[in-house]
Every structure is written in C-alpha cells, then in structure tokens.
Amino acid sequence: MLEIKWGETCLLPIRKLLSGSAKEAKFILLANPNNPTGTFVPISDIESLVAQSDRLIVLDEACVDFAPDSALRLIDRYSNLLILRTFSKSYAAAGIRVGFGFGHPEVIGRLRNMQNMFNMNVIGHAVGVSILAHRAAYAENHKHIKYERVRVNFALSQLGFSVTPSHTNFLLVRVPSGRDGTWWQTCLQRKKVLVAVPPDEGLEDCIRVSIGTKPQMDAFLAAVEEILEAETSRRSAV
C-alpha cells in the first residue's frame, strides 16, 4: 500500500505514483481533502491518475462536504476507483462508526465477499439510512463551518500564525516561532480549549484546530490572544 499526503502545494505526484517502487503497490490510497493538512487536489488530477493506473485507486472523501468538488462523477467512467465516505465528519455521527463507499459493481462485489455478515449493528444502520434520507438538513451546518473556517483563518493570520488553506472542518496551524505545538496545546488545555498536535514528522510546530460553533471559536481565539499577551509580557520582563 502506498499512502500519499500533501503539503500546501496541493499537487498530485502522478508520475511518482505510477513508477519506481510505487509500482509494487497493490493499490493506491489517497485522502482528498487531505488529513491533517486540509488541502484539496483538483478532481482532474485524480482522474488523470485513475485513467493511467492499472491498480485500484482508493479515494478517502471523509471531509468532501467541506470541499469544492467530489470525484463521485468518475465512478461511472472507471472500474478501478473506490470512493470511501463516513458519517463521522460532516454528519456529526462519529459515535456510530459507520461509513459507506461507491465503486464499480465488480469492486463492490469483491468487498461483499470479504464482508463480515454482522459488520454493522441495527442502530448504526438505521442512523446511517436516516442521515442519507435527510442530507439537506445538514447543509446549513456545512455552510456555517465553511464561514467559521475562513473567519478563524483570518484571525489567526492576523495574530502571527501560519494557516494552511483548508477544505475540511479543521485548520492546520503553524504556531509562531519560539514555541512548539505541544506547548500551545498545553496552554490552551489549561484554558479548557482542546486542540490536537499532529503526530506527523515535520509538524511539531503545528496544532490542528477543529471548527465548532461561533461561541466555541470565539473562546478559542480569546484564549490564543491571552496566551500571546502573557508570552509577550514574559519576554519583555526577561
């Protein structure tokens, strides 16, 4: 298995995925939008990869409802594409741990052969079916998250943070120099604000901020400003 994650460039290394050691991969797994960066690769790039590859391309679209486009329209054109979705992100049902997929009948048939007979309980099944039947009810929440994402991005940038352009329900934020992500996580936690620190190499000076309600994001930004003010005072006193 070959897993590719993107940085801020949002470029899909198609040649790299189709040559060299990558040729030994049984399938290619891509996340679009990506986690933890939140970046998005144009669907035209995804289609170019699928069209040129003789292997299965598994596309994780867990956060696609916060993105500008989806690869769903490619399913009818290519038999080597499998798209995975989840109810955990944009449908606020992480507790049921239920996902779903789209693919060519042959691919879905193979998955059925490997599927455990009792892989989903009746409650999770009922909730999933209900969500799909009422998808429009979530549109306003998706719109709110996109708006708050832009607002918080701008506010953090004004405070000296570097924010990767995001197409998900979270922001990858590079903290100001002098402190790392773990330090900021600890300081925010003391103010009852929880953020994550990505475990990926090279992201030690980053935090991952989930987008919540406006009051929650206001509380986050207020806590950030208080920490910055205290840190500035501490450095001035030294």
C-alpha atoms as a PDB file:
ATOM      1  CA  MET A   1       0.000   0.000   0.000  1.00  0.00           C
ATOM      2  CA  LEU A   2       1.266   3.468  -0.891  1.00  0.00           C
ATOM      3  CA  GLU A   3      -0.137   6.380   1.061  1.00  0.00           C
ATOM      4  CA  ILE A   4       0.460   9.925  -0.128  1.00  0.00           C
ATOM      5  CA  LYS A   5      -0.088  13.085   1.923  1.00  0.00           C
ATOM      6  CA  TRP A   6       0.128  16.574   0.522  1.00  0.00           C
ATOM      7  CA  GLY A   7       1.586  19.804   1.774  1.00  0.00           C
ATOM      8  CA  GLU A   8       0.490  23.280   0.825  1.00  0.00           C
ATOM      9  CA  THR A   9       1.221  22.828  -2.897  1.00  0.00           C
ATOM     10  CA  CYS A  10      -1.824  20.547  -3.476  1.00  0.00           C
ATOM     11  CA  LEU A  11      -0.026  18.841  -6.363  1.00  0.00           C
ATOM     12  CA  LEU A  12      -0.604  15.158  -7.027  1.00  0.00           C
ATOM     13  CA  PRO A  13       2.690  13.378  -7.916  1.00  0.00           C
ATOM     14  CA  ILE A  14       1.145  11.221 -10.646  1.00  0.00           C
ATOM     15  CA  ARG A  15       4.447  10.128 -12.230  1.00  0.00           C
ATOM     16  CA  LYS A  16       5.831   9.135  -8.829  1.00  0.00           C
ATOM     17  CA  LEU A  17       2.710   7.112  -8.068  1.00  0.00           C
ATOM     18  CA  LEU A  18       2.955   5.187 -11.326  1.00  0.00           C
ATOM     19  CA  SER A  19       6.679   4.424 -11.378  1.00  0.00           C
ATOM     20  CA  GLY A  20       9.616   3.243  -9.275  1.00  0.00           C
ATOM     21  CA  SER A  21       8.938   1.419  -6.033  1.00  0.00           C
ATOM     22  CA  ALA A  22       5.314   2.557  -6.145  1.00  0.00           C
ATOM     23  CA  LYS A  23       4.681   0.095  -8.989  1.00  0.00           C
ATOM     24  CA  GLU A  24       4.782  -2.717  -6.424  1.00  0.00           C
ATOM     25  CA  ALA A  25       1.809  -1.319  -4.520  1.00  0.00           C
ATOM     26  CA  LYS A  26      -1.374  -3.399  -4.664  1.00  0.00           C
ATOM     27  CA  PHE A  27      -3.481  -0.254  -4.567  1.00  0.00           C
ATOM     28  CA  ILE A  28      -3.085   3.486  -4.019  1.00  0.00           C
ATOM     29  CA  LEU A  29      -4.780   5.203  -1.089  1.00  0.00           C
ATOM     30  CA  LEU A  30      -5.391   8.955  -1.278  1.00  0.00           C
ATOM     31  CA  ALA A  31      -7.270  11.325   1.039  1.00  0.00           C
ATOM     32  CA  ASN A  32      -8.974  14.279  -0.616  1.00  0.00           C
ATOM     33  CA  PRO A  33      -9.335  16.656   1.185  1.00  0.00           C
ATOM     34  CA  ASN A  34      -6.207  15.554   2.974  1.00  0.00           C
ATOM     35  CA  ASN A  35      -5.684  14.939   6.674  1.00  0.00           C
ATOM     36  CA  PRO A  36      -4.013  16.619   8.529  1.00  0.00           C
ATOM     37  CA  THR A  37      -3.260  19.452   6.098  1.00  0.00           C
ATOM     38  CA  GLY A  38      -6.833  20.077   4.906  1.00  0.00           C
ATOM     39  CA  THR A  39      -5.582  20.659   1.363  1.00  0.00           C
ATOM     40  CA  PHE A  40      -7.517  19.650  -1.752  1.00  0.00           C
ATOM     41  CA  VAL A  41      -6.324  18.208  -5.071  1.00  0.00           C
ATOM     42  CA  PRO A  42      -8.371  19.065  -8.199  1.00  0.00           C
ATOM     43  CA  ILE A  43     -10.570  16.202  -9.387  1.00  0.00           C
ATOM     44  CA  SER A  44      -8.945  16.492 -12.823  1.00  0.00           C
ATOM     45  CA  ASP A  45      -5.665  15.325 -11.231  1.00  0.00           C
ATOM     46  CA  ILE A  46      -7.455  12.411  -9.563  1.00  0.00           C
ATOM     47  CA  GLU A  47      -8.978  11.420 -12.892  1.00  0.00           C
ATOM     48  CA  SER A  48      -5.575  11.568 -14.622  1.00  0.00           C
ATOM     49  CA  LEU A  49      -4.168   9.152 -12.050  1.00  0.00           C
ATOM     50  CA  VAL A  50      -7.137   6.774 -12.263  1.00  0.00           C
ATOM     51  CA  ALA A  51      -7.067   6.797 -16.075  1.00  0.00           C
ATOM     52  CA  GLN A  52      -3.336   5.990 -16.244  1.00  0.00           C
ATOM     53  CA  SER A  53      -3.240   3.374 -13.478  1.00  0.00           C
ATOM     54  CA  ASP A  54      -3.979  -0.334 -13.773  1.00  0.00           C
ATOM     55  CA  ARG A  55      -4.374  -0.617  -9.993  1.00  0.00           C
ATOM     56  CA  LEU A  56      -7.238   0.166  -7.665  1.00  0.00           C
ATOM     57  CA  ILE A  57      -7.334   3.795  -6.525  1.00  0.00           C
ATOM     58  CA  VAL A  58      -8.974   4.142  -3.114  1.00  0.00           C
ATOM     59  CA  LEU A  59     -10.084   7.722  -2.506  1.00  0.00           C
ATOM     60  CA  ASP A  60     -10.958   8.767   1.040  1.00  0.00           C
ATOM     61  CA  GLU A  61     -13.504  11.594   0.833  1.00  0.00           C
ATOM     62  CA  ALA A  62     -14.321  11.766   4.547  1.00  0.00           C
ATOM     63  CA  CYS A  63     -14.355  15.595   4.513  1.00  0.00           C
ATOM     64  CA  VAL A  64     -15.635  16.152   0.985  1.00  0.00           C
ATOM     65  CA  ASP A  65     -18.761  18.059   2.099  1.00  0.00           C
ATOM     66  CA  PHE A  66     -16.466  20.923   3.104  1.00  0.00           C
ATOM     67  CA  ALA A  67     -14.585  20.844  -0.241  1.00  0.00           C
ATOM     68  CA  PRO A  68     -15.362  22.484  -3.603  1.00  0.00           C
ATOM     69  CA  ASP A  69     -15.752  19.251  -5.579  1.00  0.00           C
ATOM     70  CA  SER A  70     -16.014  15.456  -5.438  1.00  0.00           C
ATOM     71  CA  ALA A  71     -14.811  12.544  -7.556  1.00  0.00           C
ATOM     72  CA  LEU A  72     -18.185  10.808  -7.377  1.00  0.00           C
ATOM     73  CA  ARG A  73     -18.912  11.521 -11.054  1.00  0.00           C
ATOM     74  CA  LEU A  74     -15.873   9.418 -12.032  1.00  0.00           C
ATOM     75  CA  ILE A  75     -17.382   6.199 -10.668  1.00  0.00           C
ATOM     76  CA  ASP A  76     -19.379   5.515 -13.857  1.00  0.00           C
ATOM     77  CA  ARG A  77     -16.300   6.038 -16.035  1.00  0.00           C
ATOM     78  CA  TYR A  78     -13.639   3.978 -14.250  1.00  0.00           C
ATOM     79  CA  SER A  79     -13.790   0.484 -12.788  1.00  0.00           C
ATOM     80  CA  ASN A  80     -10.587   0.919 -10.731  1.00  0.00           C
ATOM     81  CA  LEU A  81     -11.871   3.686  -8.443  1.00  0.00           C
ATOM     82  CA  LEU A  82     -13.304   3.143  -4.974  1.00  0.00           C
ATOM     83  CA  ILE A  83     -14.586   6.169  -3.027  1.00  0.00           C
ATOM     84  CA  LEU A  84     -14.986   5.961   0.746  1.00  0.00           C
ATOM     85  CA  ARG A  85     -17.187   8.241   2.839  1.00  0.00           C
ATOM     86  CA  THR A  86     -18.136   8.437   6.528  1.00  0.00           C
ATOM     87  CA  PHE A  87     -20.890   9.809   8.753  1.00  0.00           C
ATOM     88  CA  SER A  88     -18.293  10.852  11.328  1.00  0.00           C
ATOM     89  CA  LYS A  89     -17.341  14.255   9.915  1.00  0.00           C
ATOM     90  CA  SER A  90     -19.941  16.337   8.114  1.00  0.00           C
ATOM     91  CA  TYR A  91     -22.895  14.424   9.583  1.00  0.00           C
ATOM     92  CA  ALA A  92     -21.782  14.600  13.239  1.00  0.00           C
ATOM     93  CA  ALA A  93     -22.296  10.882  13.865  1.00  0.00           C
ATOM     94  CA  ALA A  94     -18.804   9.753  14.841  1.00  0.00           C
ATOM     95  CA  GLY A  95     -20.207   7.623  17.656  1.00  0.00           C
ATOM     96  CA  ILE A  96     -21.870   5.100  15.341  1.00  0.00           C
ATOM     97  CA  ARG A  97     -18.608   4.402  13.431  1.00  0.00           C
ATOM     98  CA  VAL A  98     -20.391   3.797  10.122  1.00  0.00           C
ATOM     99  CA  GLY A  99     -19.078   4.545   6.652  1.00  0.00           C
ATOM    100  CA  PHE A 100     -20.046   3.764   3.077  1.00  0.00           C
ATOM    101  CA  GLY A 101     -18.467   3.531  -0.342  1.00  0.00           C
ATOM    102  CA  PHE A 102     -19.030   3.897  -4.069  1.00  0.00           C
ATOM    103  CA  GLY A 103     -17.414   1.792  -6.764  1.00  0.00           C
ATOM    104  CA  HIS A 104     -17.747  -0.409  -9.818  1.00  0.00           C
ATOM    105  CA  PRO A 105     -20.068  -3.418  -9.286  1.00  0.00           C
ATOM    106  CA  GLU A 106     -17.081  -5.772  -9.616  1.00  0.00           C
ATOM    107  CA  VAL A 107     -15.143  -3.953  -6.890  1.00  0.00           C
ATOM    108  CA  ILE A 108     -18.171  -3.777  -4.596  1.00  0.00           C
ATOM    109  CA  GLY A 109     -18.811  -7.467  -5.242  1.00  0.00           C
ATOM    110  CA  ARG A 110     -15.307  -8.379  -4.078  1.00  0.00           C
ATOM    111  CA  LEU A 111     -15.777  -6.330  -0.942  1.00  0.00           C
ATOM    112  CA  ARG A 112     -19.061  -8.122  -0.291  1.00  0.00           C
ATOM    113  CA  ASN A 113     -17.238 -11.452  -0.412  1.00  0.00           C
ATOM    114  CA  MET A 114     -14.879 -10.268   2.345  1.00  0.00           C
ATOM    115  CA  GLN A 115     -17.550  -8.529   4.394  1.00  0.00           C
ATOM    116  CA  ASN A 116     -18.396  -9.885   7.813  1.00  0.00           C
ATOM    117  CA  MET A 117     -22.046 -10.892   7.991  1.00  0.00           C
ATOM    118  CA  PHE A 118     -22.634  -8.833  11.130  1.00  0.00           C
ATOM    119  CA  ASN A 119     -20.319  -5.896  10.466  1.00  0.00           C
ATOM    120  CA  MET A 120     -22.927  -3.266  11.439  1.00  0.00           C
ATOM    121  CA  ASN A 121     -25.493  -3.161  14.223  1.00  0.00           C
ATOM    122  CA  VAL A 122     -29.123  -2.253  13.557  1.00  0.00           C
ATOM    123  CA  ILE A 123     -28.872   1.110  15.342  1.00  0.00           C
ATOM    124  CA  GLY A 124     -25.909   2.248  13.245  1.00  0.00           C
ATOM    125  CA  HIS A 125     -27.676   1.043  10.110  1.00  0.00           C
ATOM    126  CA  ALA A 126     -30.863   2.929  10.982  1.00  0.00           C
ATOM    127  CA  VAL A 127     -28.999   6.154  11.802  1.00  0.00           C
ATOM    128  CA  GLY A 128     -26.992   5.943   8.570  1.00  0.00           C
ATOM    129  CA  VAL A 129     -30.099   5.430   6.439  1.00  0.00           C
ATOM    130  CA  SER A 130     -31.851   8.321   8.204  1.00  0.00           C
ATOM    131  CA  ILE A 131     -28.896  10.657   7.612  1.00  0.00           C
ATOM    132  CA  LEU A 132     -28.844   9.851   3.898  1.00  0.00           C
ATOM    133  CA  ALA A 133     -32.579  10.493   3.712  1.00  0.00           C
ATOM    134  CA  HIS A 134     -32.170  13.932   5.320  1.00  0.00           C
ATOM    135  CA  ARG A 135     -28.877  15.159   3.876  1.00  0.00           C
ATOM    136  CA  ALA A 136     -30.335  18.589   3.062  1.00  0.00           C
ATOM    137  CA  ALA A 137     -30.868  19.218   6.774  1.00  0.00           C
ATOM    138  CA  TYR A 138     -27.091  19.373   7.248  1.00  0.00           C
ATOM    139  CA  ALA A 139     -26.464  21.980   4.548  1.00  0.00           C
ATOM    140  CA  GLU A 140     -26.728  24.952   6.917  1.00  0.00           C
ATOM    141  CA  ASN A 141     -24.205  23.420   9.281  1.00  0.00           C
ATOM    142  CA  HIS A 142     -21.770  22.810   6.419  1.00  0.00           C
ATOM    143  CA  LYS A 143     -22.201  26.446   5.380  1.00  0.00           C
ATOM    144  CA  HIS A 144     -21.521  27.614   8.944  1.00  0.00           C
ATOM    145  CA  ILE A 145     -18.328  25.570   9.212  1.00  0.00           C
ATOM    146  CA  LYS A 146     -17.014  26.966   5.936  1.00  0.00           C
ATOM    147  CA  TYR A 147     -17.718  30.512   7.116  1.00  0.00           C
ATOM    148  CA  GLU A 148     -16.112  29.996  10.526  1.00  0.00           C
ATOM    149  CA  ARG A 149     -13.131  28.323   8.867  1.00  0.00           C
ATOM    150  CA  VAL A 150     -12.434  31.476   6.861  1.00  0.00           C
ATOM    151  CA  ARG A 151     -13.034  33.773   9.841  1.00  0.00           C
ATOM    152  CA  VAL A 152     -10.733  31.843  12.190  1.00  0.00           C
ATOM    153  CA  ASN A 153      -8.093  31.507   9.471  1.00  0.00           C
ATOM    154  CA  PHE A 154      -8.021  35.281   9.026  1.00  0.00           C
ATOM    155  CA  ALA A 155      -7.975  35.970  12.768  1.00  0.00           C
ATOM    156  CA  LEU A 156      -5.077  33.582  13.392  1.00  0.00           C
ATOM    157  CA  SER A 157      -3.128  35.017  10.474  1.00  0.00           C
ATOM    158  CA  GLN A 158      -3.518  38.485  11.995  1.00  0.00           C
ATOM    159  CA  LEU A 159      -2.087  37.126  15.261  1.00  0.00           C
ATOM    160  CA  GLY A 160       1.075  35.797  13.607  1.00  0.00           C
ATOM    161  CA  PHE A 161       0.099  32.182  12.932  1.00  0.00           C
ATOM    162  CA  SER A 162       0.530  30.491   9.548  1.00  0.00           C
ATOM    163  CA  VAL A 163      -2.596  28.644   8.447  1.00  0.00           C
ATOM    164  CA  THR A 164      -2.713  26.125   5.614  1.00  0.00           C
ATOM    165  CA  PRO A 165      -5.704  26.801   3.299  1.00  0.00           C
ATOM    166  CA  SER A 166      -8.254  24.199   4.335  1.00  0.00           C
ATOM    167  CA  HIS A 167     -11.164  22.419   2.651  1.00  0.00           C
ATOM    168  CA  THR A 168     -12.132  20.406   5.731  1.00  0.00           C
ATOM    169  CA  ASN A 169     -13.736  21.067   9.122  1.00  0.00           C
ATOM    170  CA  PHE A 170     -10.357  21.794  10.717  1.00  0.00           C
ATOM    171  CA  LEU A 171      -7.305  24.014  10.274  1.00  0.00           C
ATOM    172  CA  LEU A 172      -3.645  23.029  10.326  1.00  0.00           C
ATOM    173  CA  VAL A 173      -1.995  25.946  12.109  1.00  0.00           C
ATOM    174  CA  ARG A 174       1.743  26.585  12.349  1.00  0.00           C
ATOM    175  CA  VAL A 175       2.392  28.402  15.613  1.00  0.00           C
ATOM    176  CA  PRO A 176       4.675  31.451  15.958  1.00  0.00           C
ATOM    177  CA  SER A 177       8.388  30.701  16.359  1.00  0.00           C
ATOM    178  CA  GLY A 178       9.770  30.113  19.825  1.00  0.00           C
ATOM    179  CA  ARG A 179       7.226  27.519  20.962  1.00  0.00           C
ATOM    180  CA  ASP A 180       6.046  24.214  19.503  1.00  0.00           C
ATOM    181  CA  GLY A 181       2.613  22.708  19.051  1.00  0.00           C
ATOM    182  CA  THR A 182       2.722  20.731  22.300  1.00  0.00           C
ATOM    183  CA  TRP A 183       3.393  23.913  24.289  1.00  0.00           C
ATOM    184  CA  TRP A 184       0.386  25.600  22.715  1.00  0.00           C
ATOM    185  CA  GLN A 185      -1.757  22.515  23.259  1.00  0.00           C
ATOM    186  CA  THR A 186      -0.879  22.531  26.969  1.00  0.00           C
ATOM    187  CA  CYS A 187      -1.531  26.259  27.375  1.00  0.00           C
ATOM    188  CA  LEU A 188      -4.881  26.046  25.612  1.00  0.00           C
ATOM    189  CA  GLN A 189      -5.893  22.998  27.629  1.00  0.00           C
ATOM    190  CA  ARG A 190      -5.355  24.994  30.830  1.00  0.00           C
ATOM    191  CA  LYS A 191      -7.957  27.402  29.468  1.00  0.00           C
ATOM    192  CA  LYS A 192     -10.314  24.468  28.731  1.00  0.00           C
ATOM    193  CA  VAL A 193      -9.716  24.659  24.982  1.00  0.00           C
ATOM    194  CA  LEU A 194      -8.707  21.411  23.282  1.00  0.00           C
ATOM    195  CA  VAL A 195      -6.633  21.206  20.111  1.00  0.00           C
ATOM    196  CA  ALA A 196      -4.613  18.355  18.599  1.00  0.00           C
ATOM    197  CA  VAL A 197      -0.922  18.131  17.754  1.00  0.00           C
ATOM    198  CA  PRO A 198      -0.350  16.178  14.515  1.00  0.00           C
ATOM    199  CA  PRO A 199       1.951  13.176  15.065  1.00  0.00           C
ATOM    200  CA  ASP A 200       3.436  13.529  11.576  1.00  0.00           C
ATOM    201  CA  GLU A 201       7.137  14.277  11.234  1.00  0.00           C
ATOM    202  CA  GLY A 202       7.760  17.906  10.366  1.00  0.00           C
ATOM    203  CA  LEU A 203       4.568  19.161  12.013  1.00  0.00           C
ATOM    204  CA  GLU A 204       5.941  19.512  15.540  1.00  0.00           C
ATOM    205  CA  ASP A 205       5.313  23.267  15.467  1.00  0.00           C
ATOM    206  CA  CYS A 206       1.681  22.848  14.395  1.00  0.00           C
ATOM    207  CA  ILE A 207      -1.694  22.412  16.034  1.00  0.00           C
ATOM    208  CA  ARG A 208      -4.901  21.122  14.461  1.00  0.00           C
ATOM    209  CA  VAL A 209      -7.957  23.226  15.257  1.00  0.00           C
ATOM    210  CA  SER A 210     -11.428  21.767  14.712  1.00  0.00           C
ATOM    211  CA  ILE A 211     -14.118  24.230  13.610  1.00  0.00           C
ATOM    212  CA  GLY A 212     -17.062  24.374  16.001  1.00  0.00           C
ATOM    213  CA  THR A 213     -19.792  26.855  16.831  1.00  0.00           C
ATOM    214  CA  LYS A 214     -19.168  30.602  16.754  1.00  0.00           C
ATOM    215  CA  PRO A 215     -19.032  30.848  20.590  1.00  0.00           C
ATOM    216  CA  GLN A 216     -16.555  27.969  20.673  1.00  0.00           C
ATOM    217  CA  MET A 217     -14.313  29.584  18.087  1.00  0.00           C
ATOM    218  CA  ASP A 218     -14.582  32.954  19.864  1.00  0.00           C
ATOM    219  CA  ALA A 219     -13.442  31.244  23.076  1.00  0.00           C
ATOM    220  CA  PHE A 220     -10.538  29.651  21.202  1.00  0.00           C
ATOM    221  CA  LEU A 221      -9.411  32.956  19.704  1.00  0.00           C
ATOM    222  CA  ALA A 222      -9.744  34.734  23.051  1.00  0.00           C
ATOM    223  CA  ALA A 223      -7.593  32.056  24.707  1.00  0.00           C
ATOM    224  CA  VAL A 224      -4.971  32.398  21.965  1.00  0.00           C
ATOM    225  CA  GLU A 225      -4.806  36.170  22.459  1.00  0.00           C
ATOM    226  CA  GLU A 226      -4.437  35.749  26.241  1.00  0.00           C
ATOM    227  CA  ILE A 227      -1.577  33.292  25.766  1.00  0.00           C
ATOM    228  CA  LEU A 228       0.159  35.589  23.307  1.00  0.00           C
ATOM    229  CA  GLU A 229      -0.181  38.559  25.663  1.00  0.00           C
ATOM    230  CA  ALA A 230       1.231  36.562  28.578  1.00  0.00           C
ATOM    231  CA  GLU A 231       4.125  35.317  26.452  1.00  0.00           C
ATOM    232  CA  THR A 232       4.903  38.830  25.225  1.00  0.00           C
ATOM    233  CA  SER A 233       4.912  40.136  28.812  1.00  0.00           C
ATOM    234  CA  ARG A 234       7.163  37.306  29.933  1.00  0.00           C
ATOM    235  CA  ARG A 235       9.702  38.020  27.185  1.00  0.00           C
ATOM    236  CA  SER A 236       9.644  41.753  27.922  1.00  0.00           C
ATOM    237  CA  ALA A 237      10.388  41.072  31.562  1.00  0.00           C
ATOM    238  CA  VAL A 238      13.429  38.912  30.813  1.00  0.00           C
END
